[in-house]
Each structure stands twice: as C-alpha cells, then as structure tokens.
Protein backbone atom coordinates (compact mmCIF):
# COMPACT_ATOMS: atom_id res chain seq x y z
CA MET A 1 10.71 -140.62 -78.56
CA LYS A 2 8.98 -137.34 -79.37
CA ARG A 3 7.48 -138.87 -82.51
CA ASN A 4 6.02 -141.87 -80.50
CA LEU A 5 4.57 -139.47 -77.89
CA PHE A 6 3.03 -137.26 -80.61
CA LEU A 7 1.47 -140.32 -82.37
CA GLY A 8 0.17 -141.63 -78.99
CA MET A 9 -1.40 -138.29 -78.18
CA LEU A 10 -2.93 -138.14 -81.82
CA CYS A 11 -4.45 -141.58 -81.33
CA LEU A 12 -5.86 -140.66 -77.96
CA MET A 13 -7.41 -137.49 -79.34
CA ALA A 14 -8.94 -139.41 -82.26
CA PHE A 15 -10.31 -142.00 -79.90
CA SER A 16 -11.77 -139.30 -77.63
CA LEU A 17 -13.42 -137.55 -80.57
CA CYS A 18 -14.88 -140.81 -81.80
CA VAL A 19 -16.33 -141.59 -78.30
CA MET A 20 -17.81 -138.06 -77.95
CA THR A 21 -19.41 -137.97 -81.38
CA GLY A 22 -20.80 -141.56 -81.33
CA CYS A 23 -18.68 -142.95 -84.19
CA LYS A 24 -19.94 -146.18 -85.69
CA ASP A 25 -18.36 -149.37 -86.93
CA GLU A 26 -18.04 -149.18 -90.73
CA ASP A 27 -19.86 -152.50 -91.09
CA GLU A 28 -23.02 -151.04 -89.51
CA PRO A 29 -25.88 -150.06 -92.04
CA LYS A 30 -25.78 -146.40 -92.75
CA ASN A 31 -29.55 -146.08 -92.79
CA ASP A 32 -30.21 -147.02 -89.19
CA LYS A 33 -31.63 -144.32 -86.94
CA SER A 34 -30.52 -144.17 -83.35
CA ASP A 35 -33.50 -146.20 -82.31
CA GLY A 36 -32.62 -149.06 -84.64
CA LEU A 37 -35.28 -148.20 -87.27
CA VAL A 38 -34.06 -149.20 -90.81
CA THR A 39 -35.53 -146.83 -93.41
CA GLU A 40 -33.80 -147.87 -96.60
CA GLY A 41 -32.80 -151.18 -98.22
CA TYR A 42 -33.34 -154.44 -96.35
CA ALA A 43 -33.23 -154.97 -92.59
CA ASP A 44 -31.59 -157.90 -90.86
CA LEU A 45 -33.82 -158.40 -87.68
CA GLY A 46 -31.72 -161.23 -86.41
CA LEU A 47 -34.36 -163.85 -87.43
CA THR A 48 -33.55 -167.55 -87.10
CA SER A 49 -33.97 -168.03 -90.89
CA GLY A 50 -31.68 -165.10 -91.73
CA THR A 51 -34.54 -163.56 -93.81
CA LYS A 52 -34.09 -159.85 -94.33
CA TRP A 53 -37.17 -157.67 -94.78
CA LYS A 54 -37.35 -154.55 -96.94
CA ALA A 55 -37.63 -151.37 -94.93
CA THR A 56 -40.56 -150.04 -97.00
CA ASN A 57 -43.68 -151.24 -98.84
CA GLU A 58 -43.56 -151.63 -102.60
CA GLY A 59 -44.88 -148.27 -103.69
CA ASP A 60 -48.06 -146.71 -102.39
CA GLU A 61 -50.04 -149.18 -104.36
CA TYR A 62 -52.38 -152.09 -103.54
CA TYR A 63 -52.01 -155.33 -105.52
CA THR A 64 -54.29 -158.26 -106.09
CA PHE A 65 -52.81 -161.65 -105.06
CA ASP A 66 -52.15 -162.56 -108.69
CA GLU A 67 -50.54 -159.15 -109.49
CA ALA A 68 -48.28 -159.43 -106.42
CA THR A 69 -47.18 -163.04 -107.08
CA LYS A 70 -46.61 -162.43 -110.80
CA LYS A 71 -44.66 -159.11 -110.35
CA PHE A 72 -42.54 -160.02 -107.23
CA GLY A 73 -42.20 -163.75 -107.33
CA LYS A 74 -39.72 -165.23 -104.85
CA LYS A 75 -39.22 -161.83 -103.15
CA LEU A 76 -42.71 -162.15 -101.73
CA PRO A 77 -42.65 -163.77 -98.26
CA ASP A 78 -44.47 -166.98 -97.58
CA THR A 79 -46.62 -167.79 -94.54
CA VAL A 80 -43.71 -169.44 -92.75
CA GLN A 81 -41.66 -166.11 -93.04
CA PHE A 82 -44.52 -164.08 -91.82
CA SER A 83 -45.07 -166.46 -88.97
CA GLU A 84 -41.39 -166.13 -87.97
CA LEU A 85 -41.65 -162.30 -88.06
CA VAL A 86 -44.70 -162.50 -85.77
CA ARG A 87 -43.10 -165.06 -83.43
CA GLU A 88 -39.60 -163.78 -83.08
CA CYS A 89 -40.10 -159.93 -83.00
CA THR A 90 -41.65 -157.49 -80.73
CA TRP A 91 -44.64 -155.61 -82.33
CA THR A 92 -45.57 -152.14 -81.02
CA TRP A 93 -48.43 -150.11 -82.44
CA VAL A 94 -46.97 -146.64 -83.26
CA GLY A 95 -49.18 -144.00 -84.95
CA ASP A 96 -50.87 -145.88 -87.81
CA GLY A 97 -48.94 -149.13 -88.03
CA TYR A 98 -46.57 -151.55 -86.29
CA LYS A 99 -42.95 -151.05 -85.42
CA ILE A 100 -41.41 -154.47 -85.60
CA THR A 101 -38.21 -154.97 -83.59
CA GLY A 102 -35.99 -157.96 -84.03
CA LYS A 103 -33.84 -159.78 -81.38
CA ASN A 104 -30.82 -157.60 -82.47
CA GLY A 105 -32.57 -154.21 -81.89
CA LYS A 106 -33.03 -153.37 -85.58
CA SER A 107 -36.65 -152.58 -86.62
CA ILE A 108 -38.93 -151.83 -89.45
CA MET A 109 -42.36 -150.25 -89.79
CA LEU A 110 -45.38 -151.99 -91.36
CA PRO A 111 -48.07 -149.37 -91.94
CA ALA A 112 -51.67 -150.10 -91.54
CA ALA A 113 -52.19 -149.03 -95.13
CA GLY A 114 -55.80 -150.19 -95.42
CA PHE A 115 -56.99 -152.32 -98.37
CA ARG A 116 -58.96 -152.08 -101.64
CA ASP A 117 -61.83 -154.50 -102.09
CA CYS A 118 -62.47 -156.44 -105.26
CA GLU A 119 -64.65 -153.63 -106.61
CA GLY A 120 -61.80 -151.06 -106.00
CA ASP A 121 -63.03 -149.22 -102.92
CA VAL A 122 -60.43 -148.31 -100.33
CA TYR A 123 -61.12 -148.88 -96.64
CA ASN A 124 -59.51 -148.51 -93.15
CA VAL A 125 -56.28 -146.67 -93.98
CA GLY A 126 -54.44 -146.20 -90.54
CA ILE A 127 -56.68 -148.75 -88.89
CA GLU A 128 -55.70 -152.07 -90.52
CA GLY A 129 -53.74 -153.41 -93.40
CA PHE A 130 -53.05 -156.55 -95.28
CA TYR A 131 -49.84 -157.93 -96.72
CA TRP A 132 -49.92 -160.66 -99.36
CA THR A 133 -47.85 -163.87 -98.99
CA SER A 134 -46.68 -165.93 -101.92
CA LYS A 135 -49.02 -168.88 -100.83
CA SER A 136 -52.39 -169.41 -102.32
CA LEU A 137 -55.39 -171.37 -100.90
CA GLY A 138 -56.63 -172.85 -104.12
CA PRO A 139 -57.80 -170.85 -107.19
CA GLN A 140 -59.95 -168.37 -105.26
CA ARG A 141 -57.97 -167.25 -102.28
CA GLY A 142 -54.51 -166.17 -101.13
CA TYR A 143 -52.93 -166.05 -97.75
CA ARG A 144 -52.01 -162.62 -96.16
CA LEU A 145 -50.86 -161.02 -92.99
CA GLY A 146 -53.60 -158.97 -91.42
CA LEU A 147 -52.65 -155.94 -89.17
CA TYR A 148 -55.08 -154.58 -86.79
CA LYS A 149 -54.65 -152.08 -83.90
CA PHE A 150 -55.59 -154.94 -81.52
CA GLY A 151 -53.35 -157.58 -83.12
CA LYS A 152 -52.22 -159.44 -86.16
CA SER A 153 -53.07 -162.71 -87.91
CA ILE A 154 -52.22 -164.75 -90.92
CA ASN A 155 -55.49 -165.37 -92.76
CA TYR A 156 -56.83 -165.61 -96.34
CA HIS A 157 -58.89 -163.49 -98.66
CA ASP A 158 -60.27 -163.51 -102.18
CA ARG A 159 -57.44 -163.10 -104.70
CA CYS A 160 -59.25 -160.19 -106.34
CA GLY A 161 -58.85 -158.09 -103.10
CA HIS A 162 -55.98 -155.65 -103.05
CA GLY A 163 -53.32 -155.53 -100.36
CA SER A 164 -49.87 -154.20 -99.68
CA VAL A 165 -46.61 -155.87 -100.55
CA ARG A 166 -43.45 -156.01 -98.34
CA LEU A 167 -40.47 -157.88 -99.97
CA ILE A 168 -37.86 -160.08 -98.46
CA GLU A 169 -34.26 -161.00 -99.38
C-alpha cells in the first residue's frame, strides 16, 4: 500500500514538473523554436503532397540554372511544389524575407537574398530574391520563384542568371 502511494505521488510529481517546464513529445523535431520555426534539417509544413522543405538555403551562394539542376537534381523543387508552397501556406514578410507557415504551424524562412545577373553583379539583397526550380523553359530560360516585399510569383529568367536554392525531400 505504501509503495503504491509512493509511486503514485512520484508519477504526479513527474507529470507536474513536465507540465511546468513545457515537456515535449519525443516525436517532435528537436529544432523547432517555440513559434514553430524550423531552423535545421527539413520541415514538414503539412502540405498536401507531403513535400518537406529544407530549413535553410544551400550555402550563401548563387547558382545559375544549369549549376543548380546539375548539382542538386531531384532535390530541387519543381514549379508544382513551389505553387503548393505559395497556395497552402501563410507568407509573412519579416525583416528581409518571408516566414512561410504551414497548416500545421511549422514554418521556414525564405530570405530575400537578392540575385546575381549574368555578368556577375549582385543586386537587391534584402529586397527581393529568386529560387530556381528544376523546370526549364527551353534552352535559354529556367523557372524560378520570385520573392518581393510586395508579393511572390513563379516566373522565368535567363539560365545564366544566378539565384538561390532551397531543397526538398
């Protein structure tokens, strides 16, 4: 009887401590901040397709369309996956980029990293940014997601231009 009472009190104390300290389910990602922002690995945003988006850009580099498709292959999103991200998530301009929040409350940041033109000059860091897709528009152009403080669009650009890369899983 005393042992059962002791174990019951021990369980109650453990539960109370867990509630007070905000314990988490072991299945939850360890890199989520309290606001749902995923900062490492891949984020499941609850998209219909099940696509998971990497939490960060691929390096601090810009890539031409051909460099991006050659180096990253199937990990580069296509226009359908970017369209789903635009359609199913909430986009909020924060600082110098978008916080993209999925239906499940998880979110990632897409910075407005600017771009490099075909001659190599960098423009508009913090104001706009471009993310290559895996889909080309003939031999001269590739599709990309364009981010602007006033909105976003899927458009195309010369393949020699340099943009950012965000991978999927």
